[in-house]
Amino acid sequence: MTPDEARELIDYHVFARERALAAVAALTPAQFVLDLGSSFGSVRDTLAHLYGADEVWLSRWRGGDPRGLPAAAGFADLAALRAAWARLDPELYAFVRDLDAASLQRSLTYRAFNGQAATLTYAQMLRHVVNHGSYHRGQVTTLLRQLGAPAPKGMDLVAFYRERSG
């Protein structure tokens, strides 16, 4: 992975997330928190998990040792999640912008939530963050459909590329 590819992946990650959030905005407050029996229950809880993962990985990359994800209940509504990402995104972009080819291949050993040590390169971790986001954005799409709400606009990587080449 090159530094430009790393930045492009994060651009895609945010692009797809924003498409998901735009669709979620159509939900009522009750729909937003309704437990539908998915991995994280509700749309809110799934999005809170996505936000928390972004926060945790950035913390690890900066030398932190997070022990868990923020509680979904701490996000009362979509505006609270958007505000949290608005604070986090500039930090994420700054971190990725400063990565060079050598640092992308550098390994980081961190403590997983189960307490075990894990070692990955920064390139591997970035790929994981984006892949993880794609997985859970797909869950959000399913939850939206279960609620009778319209699905997000296309969030595939090819949609990102097409829009960029516009």
N, C-alpha and C. Protein backbone atom coordinates (compact mmCIF):
# COMPACT_ATOMS: atom_id res chain seq x y z
N MET A 1 0.85 -1.17 0.00
CA MET A 1 0.00 0.00 0.00
C MET A 1 0.89 1.23 0.00
N THR A 2 0.51 2.19 -0.81
CA THR A 2 1.24 3.46 -0.85
C THR A 2 0.54 4.48 0.05
N PRO A 3 1.23 5.56 0.39
CA PRO A 3 0.55 6.60 1.18
C PRO A 3 -0.69 7.15 0.48
N ASP A 4 -0.63 7.32 -0.84
CA ASP A 4 -1.81 7.80 -1.56
C ASP A 4 -2.97 6.81 -1.46
N GLU A 5 -2.66 5.53 -1.53
CA GLU A 5 -3.71 4.51 -1.40
C GLU A 5 -4.30 4.52 0.02
N ALA A 6 -3.49 4.75 1.01
CA ALA A 6 -3.98 4.82 2.38
C ALA A 6 -4.95 5.99 2.53
N ARG A 7 -4.58 7.13 1.98
CA ARG A 7 -5.47 8.30 2.06
C ARG A 7 -6.76 8.06 1.28
N GLU A 8 -6.64 7.40 0.15
CA GLU A 8 -7.82 7.09 -0.65
C GLU A 8 -8.77 6.15 0.10
N LEU A 9 -8.22 5.17 0.79
CA LEU A 9 -9.06 4.26 1.57
C LEU A 9 -9.83 5.00 2.66
N ILE A 10 -9.17 5.92 3.33
CA ILE A 10 -9.87 6.68 4.38
C ILE A 10 -10.91 7.61 3.75
N ASP A 11 -10.59 8.20 2.62
CA ASP A 11 -11.59 9.01 1.90
C ASP A 11 -12.82 8.16 1.59
N TYR A 12 -12.59 6.94 1.11
CA TYR A 12 -13.70 6.04 0.80
C TYR A 12 -14.49 5.71 2.07
N HIS A 13 -13.80 5.41 3.14
CA HIS A 13 -14.43 5.05 4.41
C HIS A 13 -15.39 6.16 4.86
N VAL A 14 -14.97 7.39 4.76
CA VAL A 14 -15.81 8.51 5.17
C VAL A 14 -16.94 8.73 4.16
N PHE A 15 -16.64 8.62 2.86
CA PHE A 15 -17.66 8.74 1.81
C PHE A 15 -18.80 7.76 2.06
N ALA A 16 -18.47 6.50 2.27
CA ALA A 16 -19.49 5.47 2.47
C ALA A 16 -20.26 5.70 3.76
N ARG A 17 -19.56 6.09 4.81
CA ARG A 17 -20.23 6.36 6.08
C ARG A 17 -21.23 7.50 5.93
N GLU A 18 -20.83 8.55 5.22
CA GLU A 18 -21.73 9.68 5.05
C GLU A 18 -22.98 9.30 4.27
N ARG A 19 -22.83 8.40 3.31
CA ARG A 19 -24.01 7.91 2.58
C ARG A 19 -24.93 7.13 3.51
N ALA A 20 -24.36 6.33 4.38
CA ALA A 20 -25.17 5.59 5.34
C ALA A 20 -25.88 6.56 6.29
N LEU A 21 -25.17 7.54 6.80
CA LEU A 21 -25.77 8.50 7.73
C LEU A 21 -26.88 9.31 7.07
N ALA A 22 -26.72 9.64 5.80
CA ALA A 22 -27.76 10.38 5.09
C ALA A 22 -29.06 9.58 5.04
N ALA A 23 -28.95 8.27 4.83
CA ALA A 23 -30.14 7.43 4.80
C ALA A 23 -30.74 7.29 6.20
N VAL A 24 -29.89 7.17 7.20
CA VAL A 24 -30.36 7.02 8.57
C VAL A 24 -31.13 8.26 9.03
N ALA A 25 -30.82 9.40 8.47
CA ALA A 25 -31.48 10.65 8.86
C ALA A 25 -32.99 10.60 8.65
N ALA A 26 -33.47 9.70 7.82
CA ALA A 26 -34.91 9.59 7.56
C ALA A 26 -35.67 8.88 8.68
N LEU A 27 -34.94 8.25 9.59
CA LEU A 27 -35.59 7.49 10.66
C LEU A 27 -36.17 8.40 11.73
N THR A 28 -37.21 7.92 12.37
CA THR A 28 -37.73 8.60 13.55
C THR A 28 -36.80 8.29 14.72
N PRO A 29 -36.85 9.07 15.80
CA PRO A 29 -36.04 8.73 16.97
C PRO A 29 -36.32 7.31 17.49
N ALA A 30 -37.57 6.89 17.44
CA ALA A 30 -37.91 5.54 17.93
C ALA A 30 -37.31 4.47 17.02
N GLN A 31 -37.37 4.68 15.71
CA GLN A 31 -36.77 3.72 14.79
C GLN A 31 -35.26 3.64 14.97
N PHE A 32 -34.64 4.76 15.25
CA PHE A 32 -33.19 4.84 15.38
C PHE A 32 -32.67 3.92 16.49
N VAL A 33 -33.43 3.79 17.56
CA VAL A 33 -32.98 2.99 18.71
C VAL A 33 -33.72 1.67 18.87
N LEU A 34 -34.61 1.35 17.94
CA LEU A 34 -35.38 0.11 18.03
C LEU A 34 -34.48 -1.11 17.87
N ASP A 35 -34.56 -2.01 18.83
CA ASP A 35 -33.75 -3.24 18.78
C ASP A 35 -34.39 -4.21 17.79
N LEU A 36 -33.66 -4.48 16.71
CA LEU A 36 -34.13 -5.37 15.66
C LEU A 36 -33.45 -6.74 15.72
N GLY A 37 -32.70 -6.99 16.78
CA GLY A 37 -32.07 -8.29 16.94
C GLY A 37 -30.85 -8.51 16.08
N SER A 38 -30.27 -7.45 15.58
CA SER A 38 -29.06 -7.55 14.78
C SER A 38 -27.85 -7.71 15.71
N SER A 39 -26.68 -7.74 15.13
CA SER A 39 -25.46 -7.91 15.93
C SER A 39 -25.38 -6.92 17.08
N PHE A 40 -25.76 -5.69 16.82
CA PHE A 40 -25.71 -4.65 17.86
C PHE A 40 -27.09 -4.13 18.19
N GLY A 41 -28.11 -4.77 17.69
CA GLY A 41 -29.48 -4.42 18.03
C GLY A 41 -30.09 -3.39 17.10
N SER A 42 -29.77 -2.15 17.34
CA SER A 42 -30.42 -1.05 16.63
C SER A 42 -29.47 -0.38 15.63
N VAL A 43 -30.05 0.50 14.83
CA VAL A 43 -29.23 1.32 13.93
C VAL A 43 -28.26 2.15 14.75
N ARG A 44 -28.76 2.78 15.80
CA ARG A 44 -27.91 3.61 16.66
C ARG A 44 -26.73 2.81 17.22
N ASP A 45 -27.03 1.62 17.72
CA ASP A 45 -25.99 0.82 18.35
C ASP A 45 -24.96 0.34 17.32
N THR A 46 -25.40 0.05 16.12
CA THR A 46 -24.48 -0.37 15.06
C THR A 46 -23.59 0.80 14.65
N LEU A 47 -24.17 1.97 14.50
CA LEU A 47 -23.37 3.15 14.15
C LEU A 47 -22.42 3.52 15.29
N ALA A 48 -22.87 3.38 16.53
CA ALA A 48 -21.99 3.66 17.67
C ALA A 48 -20.81 2.70 17.67
N HIS A 49 -21.05 1.45 17.30
CA HIS A 49 -19.95 0.49 17.19
C HIS A 49 -18.97 0.93 16.11
N LEU A 50 -19.48 1.37 14.98
CA LEU A 50 -18.61 1.86 13.90
C LEU A 50 -17.78 3.05 14.36
N TYR A 51 -18.43 4.01 15.01
CA TYR A 51 -17.71 5.17 15.52
C TYR A 51 -16.64 4.71 16.52
N GLY A 52 -17.04 3.86 17.45
CA GLY A 52 -16.11 3.41 18.48
C GLY A 52 -14.89 2.72 17.89
N ALA A 53 -15.09 1.93 16.85
CA ALA A 53 -13.96 1.25 16.22
C ALA A 53 -13.00 2.27 15.63
N ASP A 54 -13.52 3.28 14.96
CA ASP A 54 -12.64 4.33 14.40
C ASP A 54 -11.84 4.99 15.52
N GLU A 55 -12.52 5.30 16.62
CA GLU A 55 -11.88 5.96 17.75
C GLU A 55 -10.81 5.06 18.38
N VAL A 56 -11.12 3.79 18.55
CA VAL A 56 -10.18 2.85 19.17
C VAL A 56 -8.93 2.69 18.32
N TRP A 57 -9.10 2.49 17.01
CA TRP A 57 -7.92 2.30 16.16
C TRP A 57 -7.05 3.54 16.14
N LEU A 58 -7.65 4.71 16.05
CA LEU A 58 -6.85 5.92 16.06
C LEU A 58 -6.10 6.05 17.39
N SER A 59 -6.75 5.71 18.48
CA SER A 59 -6.10 5.76 19.78
C SER A 59 -4.89 4.81 19.81
N ARG A 60 -5.08 3.61 19.31
CA ARG A 60 -3.96 2.65 19.27
C ARG A 60 -2.80 3.20 18.43
N TRP A 61 -3.13 3.75 17.29
CA TRP A 61 -2.09 4.28 16.40
C TRP A 61 -1.31 5.40 17.05
N ARG A 62 -1.94 6.09 17.98
CA ARG A 62 -1.28 7.19 18.69
C ARG A 62 -0.63 6.74 19.98
N GLY A 63 -0.62 5.43 20.22
CA GLY A 63 0.04 4.91 21.41
C GLY A 63 -0.87 4.63 22.58
N GLY A 64 -2.16 4.81 22.40
CA GLY A 64 -3.11 4.54 23.48
C GLY A 64 -3.38 3.06 23.65
N ASP A 65 -4.05 2.73 24.74
CA ASP A 65 -4.39 1.34 25.04
C ASP A 65 -5.86 1.28 25.44
N PRO A 66 -6.77 1.55 24.49
CA PRO A 66 -8.19 1.54 24.84
C PRO A 66 -8.64 0.15 25.25
N ARG A 67 -9.51 0.09 26.22
CA ARG A 67 -9.96 -1.19 26.78
C ARG A 67 -11.37 -1.56 26.34
N GLY A 68 -12.01 -0.71 25.57
CA GLY A 68 -13.36 -1.00 25.10
C GLY A 68 -13.90 0.11 24.24
N LEU A 69 -15.08 -0.12 23.73
CA LEU A 69 -15.76 0.85 22.88
C LEU A 69 -16.63 1.77 23.73
N PRO A 70 -16.89 2.97 23.24
CA PRO A 70 -17.81 3.84 23.99
C PRO A 70 -19.21 3.22 23.99
N ALA A 71 -19.96 3.47 25.03
CA ALA A 71 -21.32 2.95 25.16
C ALA A 71 -22.23 3.60 24.12
N ALA A 72 -23.01 2.77 23.45
CA ALA A 72 -23.95 3.28 22.44
C ALA A 72 -24.94 4.26 23.06
N ALA A 73 -25.32 4.02 24.29
CA ALA A 73 -26.29 4.90 24.97
C ALA A 73 -25.77 6.32 25.11
N GLY A 74 -24.46 6.50 24.97
CA GLY A 74 -23.89 7.85 25.04
C GLY A 74 -24.19 8.69 23.82
N PHE A 75 -24.80 8.08 22.82
CA PHE A 75 -25.17 8.81 21.59
C PHE A 75 -26.69 8.85 21.53
N ALA A 76 -27.25 9.95 22.00
CA ALA A 76 -28.70 10.06 22.11
C ALA A 76 -29.40 10.04 20.76
N ASP A 77 -28.72 10.55 19.75
CA ASP A 77 -29.36 10.66 18.44
C ASP A 77 -28.28 10.71 17.36
N LEU A 78 -28.74 10.80 16.12
CA LEU A 78 -27.81 10.84 14.99
C LEU A 78 -26.91 12.06 15.07
N ALA A 79 -27.44 13.18 15.54
CA ALA A 79 -26.64 14.40 15.66
C ALA A 79 -25.44 14.18 16.59
N ALA A 80 -25.63 13.42 17.64
CA ALA A 80 -24.52 13.16 18.57
C ALA A 80 -23.44 12.32 17.90
N LEU A 81 -23.84 11.35 17.10
CA LEU A 81 -22.85 10.55 16.37
C LEU A 81 -22.13 11.40 15.33
N ARG A 82 -22.89 12.22 14.61
CA ARG A 82 -22.26 13.10 13.62
C ARG A 82 -21.25 14.05 14.28
N ALA A 83 -21.61 14.57 15.43
CA ALA A 83 -20.71 15.48 16.14
C ALA A 83 -19.43 14.76 16.58
N ALA A 84 -19.58 13.53 17.03
CA ALA A 84 -18.40 12.76 17.44
C ALA A 84 -17.49 12.52 16.25
N TRP A 85 -18.06 12.12 15.11
CA TRP A 85 -17.23 11.91 13.92
C TRP A 85 -16.63 13.23 13.42
N ALA A 86 -17.36 14.31 13.57
CA ALA A 86 -16.81 15.61 13.14
C ALA A 86 -15.56 15.97 13.94
N ARG A 87 -15.51 15.54 15.19
CA ARG A 87 -14.31 15.77 16.01
C ARG A 87 -13.20 14.78 15.65
N LEU A 88 -13.58 13.54 15.35
CA LEU A 88 -12.60 12.49 15.10
C LEU A 88 -11.99 12.55 13.70
N ASP A 89 -12.80 12.85 12.71
CA ASP A 89 -12.33 12.81 11.32
C ASP A 89 -11.07 13.64 11.06
N PRO A 90 -11.00 14.88 11.51
CA PRO A 90 -9.77 15.64 11.24
C PRO A 90 -8.53 14.98 11.85
N GLU A 91 -8.68 14.36 13.01
CA GLU A 91 -7.56 13.66 13.62
C GLU A 91 -7.17 12.43 12.82
N LEU A 92 -8.16 11.70 12.34
CA LEU A 92 -7.90 10.53 11.51
C LEU A 92 -7.21 10.92 10.21
N TYR A 93 -7.74 11.94 9.56
CA TYR A 93 -7.12 12.42 8.31
C TYR A 93 -5.69 12.89 8.55
N ALA A 94 -5.46 13.60 9.63
CA ALA A 94 -4.11 14.09 9.92
C ALA A 94 -3.15 12.93 10.14
N PHE A 95 -3.60 11.92 10.87
CA PHE A 95 -2.74 10.78 11.12
C PHE A 95 -2.38 10.08 9.81
N VAL A 96 -3.36 9.82 8.99
CA VAL A 96 -3.12 9.10 7.74
C VAL A 96 -2.31 9.95 6.77
N ARG A 97 -2.57 11.24 6.76
CA ARG A 97 -1.81 12.15 5.88
C ARG A 97 -0.32 12.11 6.18
N ASP A 98 0.03 11.90 7.44
CA ASP A 98 1.43 11.90 7.85
C ASP A 98 2.14 10.55 7.65
N LEU A 99 1.41 9.53 7.22
CA LEU A 99 2.04 8.22 6.98
C LEU A 99 2.84 8.24 5.68
N ASP A 100 4.04 7.71 5.74
CA ASP A 100 4.83 7.54 4.52
C ASP A 100 4.94 6.04 4.23
N ALA A 101 5.62 5.70 3.15
CA ALA A 101 5.69 4.29 2.74
C ALA A 101 6.30 3.42 3.83
N ALA A 102 7.32 3.90 4.49
CA ALA A 102 7.97 3.11 5.54
C ALA A 102 7.04 2.92 6.73
N SER A 103 6.34 3.95 7.12
CA SER A 103 5.47 3.82 8.30
C SER A 103 4.27 2.91 8.02
N LEU A 104 3.82 2.83 6.78
CA LEU A 104 2.74 1.91 6.45
C LEU A 104 3.16 0.45 6.62
N GLN A 105 4.44 0.19 6.47
CA GLN A 105 4.95 -1.18 6.62
C GLN A 105 5.43 -1.48 8.04
N ARG A 106 5.48 -0.44 8.87
CA ARG A 106 5.90 -0.63 10.26
C ARG A 106 4.80 -1.38 11.03
N SER A 107 5.21 -2.21 11.94
CA SER A 107 4.26 -2.99 12.75
C SER A 107 3.95 -2.27 14.05
N LEU A 108 2.78 -2.54 14.54
CA LEU A 108 2.35 -2.05 15.84
C LEU A 108 1.84 -3.25 16.63
N THR A 109 2.34 -3.40 17.83
CA THR A 109 1.81 -4.42 18.73
C THR A 109 0.89 -3.71 19.70
N TYR A 110 -0.32 -4.20 19.81
CA TYR A 110 -1.33 -3.58 20.68
C TYR A 110 -2.02 -4.69 21.44
N ARG A 111 -2.76 -4.29 22.45
CA ARG A 111 -3.51 -5.25 23.25
C ARG A 111 -4.96 -5.25 22.76
N ALA A 112 -5.41 -6.41 22.28
CA ALA A 112 -6.80 -6.56 21.85
C ALA A 112 -7.71 -6.52 23.07
N PHE A 113 -9.00 -6.37 22.85
CA PHE A 113 -9.94 -6.29 23.97
C PHE A 113 -9.96 -7.55 24.82
N ASN A 114 -9.54 -8.68 24.25
CA ASN A 114 -9.48 -9.91 25.05
C ASN A 114 -8.21 -10.00 25.88
N GLY A 115 -7.37 -8.95 25.80
CA GLY A 115 -6.15 -8.89 26.59
C GLY A 115 -4.92 -9.45 25.91
N GLN A 116 -5.10 -10.13 24.79
CA GLN A 116 -3.97 -10.72 24.09
C GLN A 116 -3.27 -9.69 23.21
N ALA A 117 -1.96 -9.87 23.08
CA ALA A 117 -1.19 -8.99 22.21
C ALA A 117 -1.43 -9.39 20.75
N ALA A 118 -1.49 -8.40 19.89
CA ALA A 118 -1.64 -8.62 18.46
C ALA A 118 -0.69 -7.66 17.75
N THR A 119 -0.16 -8.09 16.62
CA THR A 119 0.77 -7.27 15.86
C THR A 119 0.33 -7.23 14.41
N LEU A 120 0.18 -6.03 13.88
CA LEU A 120 -0.17 -5.81 12.48
C LEU A 120 0.62 -4.62 11.96
N THR A 121 0.75 -4.54 10.65
CA THR A 121 1.34 -3.33 10.07
C THR A 121 0.25 -2.25 10.00
N TYR A 122 0.68 -1.02 9.85
CA TYR A 122 -0.29 0.06 9.72
C TYR A 122 -1.13 -0.13 8.47
N ALA A 123 -0.55 -0.62 7.39
CA ALA A 123 -1.32 -0.89 6.17
C ALA A 123 -2.41 -1.92 6.44
N GLN A 124 -2.08 -2.98 7.18
CA GLN A 124 -3.07 -3.99 7.50
C GLN A 124 -4.18 -3.42 8.37
N MET A 125 -3.81 -2.59 9.33
CA MET A 125 -4.82 -2.02 10.22
C MET A 125 -5.74 -1.08 9.45
N LEU A 126 -5.20 -0.28 8.56
CA LEU A 126 -6.03 0.61 7.76
C LEU A 126 -7.01 -0.19 6.90
N ARG A 127 -6.52 -1.25 6.29
CA ARG A 127 -7.42 -2.09 5.48
C ARG A 127 -8.52 -2.67 6.38
N HIS A 128 -8.15 -3.09 7.57
CA HIS A 128 -9.14 -3.65 8.48
C HIS A 128 -10.20 -2.61 8.84
N VAL A 129 -9.80 -1.41 9.17
CA VAL A 129 -10.76 -0.37 9.56
C VAL A 129 -11.79 -0.16 8.45
N VAL A 130 -11.33 -0.09 7.22
CA VAL A 130 -12.24 0.15 6.10
C VAL A 130 -13.12 -1.07 5.85
N ASN A 131 -12.54 -2.26 5.90
CA ASN A 131 -13.33 -3.47 5.70
C ASN A 131 -14.37 -3.63 6.80
N HIS A 132 -13.97 -3.40 8.03
CA HIS A 132 -14.88 -3.47 9.17
C HIS A 132 -16.04 -2.49 8.98
N GLY A 133 -15.73 -1.29 8.54
CA GLY A 133 -16.77 -0.30 8.29
C GLY A 133 -17.74 -0.77 7.22
N SER A 134 -17.21 -1.37 6.15
CA SER A 134 -18.08 -1.85 5.08
C SER A 134 -19.03 -2.93 5.59
N TYR A 135 -18.53 -3.82 6.40
CA TYR A 135 -19.36 -4.88 6.95
C TYR A 135 -20.53 -4.31 7.74
N HIS A 136 -20.24 -3.39 8.62
CA HIS A 136 -21.30 -2.85 9.48
C HIS A 136 -22.20 -1.86 8.74
N ARG A 137 -21.69 -1.16 7.73
CA ARG A 137 -22.58 -0.33 6.91
C ARG A 137 -23.59 -1.21 6.18
N GLY A 138 -23.16 -2.40 5.78
CA GLY A 138 -24.10 -3.35 5.19
C GLY A 138 -25.18 -3.75 6.18
N GLN A 139 -24.81 -3.93 7.43
CA GLN A 139 -25.82 -4.23 8.45
C GLN A 139 -26.79 -3.07 8.61
N VAL A 140 -26.28 -1.84 8.57
CA VAL A 140 -27.16 -0.68 8.68
C VAL A 140 -28.16 -0.67 7.52
N THR A 141 -27.70 -1.01 6.34
CA THR A 141 -28.59 -1.07 5.17
C THR A 141 -29.71 -2.07 5.42
N THR A 142 -29.37 -3.24 5.94
CA THR A 142 -30.39 -4.25 6.24
C THR A 142 -31.36 -3.75 7.30
N LEU A 143 -30.85 -3.11 8.33
CA LEU A 143 -31.72 -2.57 9.37
C LEU A 143 -32.66 -1.51 8.81
N LEU A 144 -32.15 -0.66 7.94
CA LEU A 144 -33.00 0.36 7.31
C LEU A 144 -34.14 -0.31 6.54
N ARG A 145 -33.81 -1.33 5.79
CA ARG A 145 -34.84 -2.04 5.02
C ARG A 145 -35.86 -2.70 5.95
N GLN A 146 -35.41 -3.26 7.07
CA GLN A 146 -36.33 -3.86 8.03
C GLN A 146 -37.28 -2.82 8.60
N LEU A 147 -36.81 -1.60 8.68
CA LEU A 147 -37.64 -0.51 9.21
C LEU A 147 -38.52 0.13 8.13
N GLY A 148 -38.38 -0.35 6.89
CA GLY A 148 -39.18 0.21 5.80
C GLY A 148 -38.64 1.51 5.26
N ALA A 149 -37.41 1.84 5.60
CA ALA A 149 -36.78 3.09 5.15
C ALA A 149 -35.97 2.82 3.88
N PRO A 150 -35.77 3.85 3.08
CA PRO A 150 -34.94 3.66 1.88
C PRO A 150 -33.49 3.33 2.25
N ALA A 151 -32.89 2.49 1.43
CA ALA A 151 -31.49 2.13 1.61
C ALA A 151 -30.61 3.32 1.23
N PRO A 152 -29.38 3.35 1.71
CA PRO A 152 -28.45 4.41 1.32
C PRO A 152 -28.14 4.35 -0.18
N LYS A 153 -27.68 5.46 -0.70
CA LYS A 153 -27.10 5.46 -2.04
C LYS A 153 -25.93 4.48 -2.03
N GLY A 154 -25.52 4.02 -3.19
CA GLY A 154 -24.45 3.04 -3.30
C GLY A 154 -23.23 3.39 -2.47
N MET A 155 -22.77 2.43 -1.70
CA MET A 155 -21.61 2.64 -0.82
C MET A 155 -20.42 1.78 -1.24
N ASP A 156 -20.55 1.05 -2.34
CA ASP A 156 -19.43 0.22 -2.80
C ASP A 156 -18.25 1.09 -3.19
N LEU A 157 -17.09 0.49 -3.14
CA LEU A 157 -15.87 1.19 -3.54
C LEU A 157 -15.98 1.69 -4.97
N VAL A 158 -16.62 0.91 -5.84
CA VAL A 158 -16.76 1.35 -7.23
C VAL A 158 -17.62 2.62 -7.33
N ALA A 159 -18.61 2.77 -6.46
CA ALA A 159 -19.42 4.00 -6.44
C ALA A 159 -18.54 5.20 -6.09
N PHE A 160 -17.66 5.00 -5.14
CA PHE A 160 -16.70 6.04 -4.75
C PHE A 160 -15.82 6.42 -5.93
N TYR A 161 -15.25 5.41 -6.60
CA TYR A 161 -14.38 5.68 -7.75
C TYR A 161 -15.14 6.39 -8.87
N ARG A 162 -16.35 5.95 -9.14
CA ARG A 162 -17.14 6.58 -10.20
C ARG A 162 -17.45 8.03 -9.88
N GLU A 163 -17.81 8.28 -8.63
CA GLU A 163 -18.13 9.66 -8.26
C GLU A 163 -16.90 10.54 -8.33
N ARG A 164 -15.77 10.01 -7.92
CA ARG A 164 -14.52 10.78 -7.97
C ARG A 164 -14.08 11.12 -9.38
N SER A 165 -14.31 10.18 -10.30
CA SER A 165 -13.85 10.40 -11.68
C SER A 165 -14.86 11.23 -12.46
N GLY A 166 -16.05 11.38 -11.89
CA GLY A 166 -17.18 12.13 -12.31
C GLY A 166 -17.29 12.68 -13.62
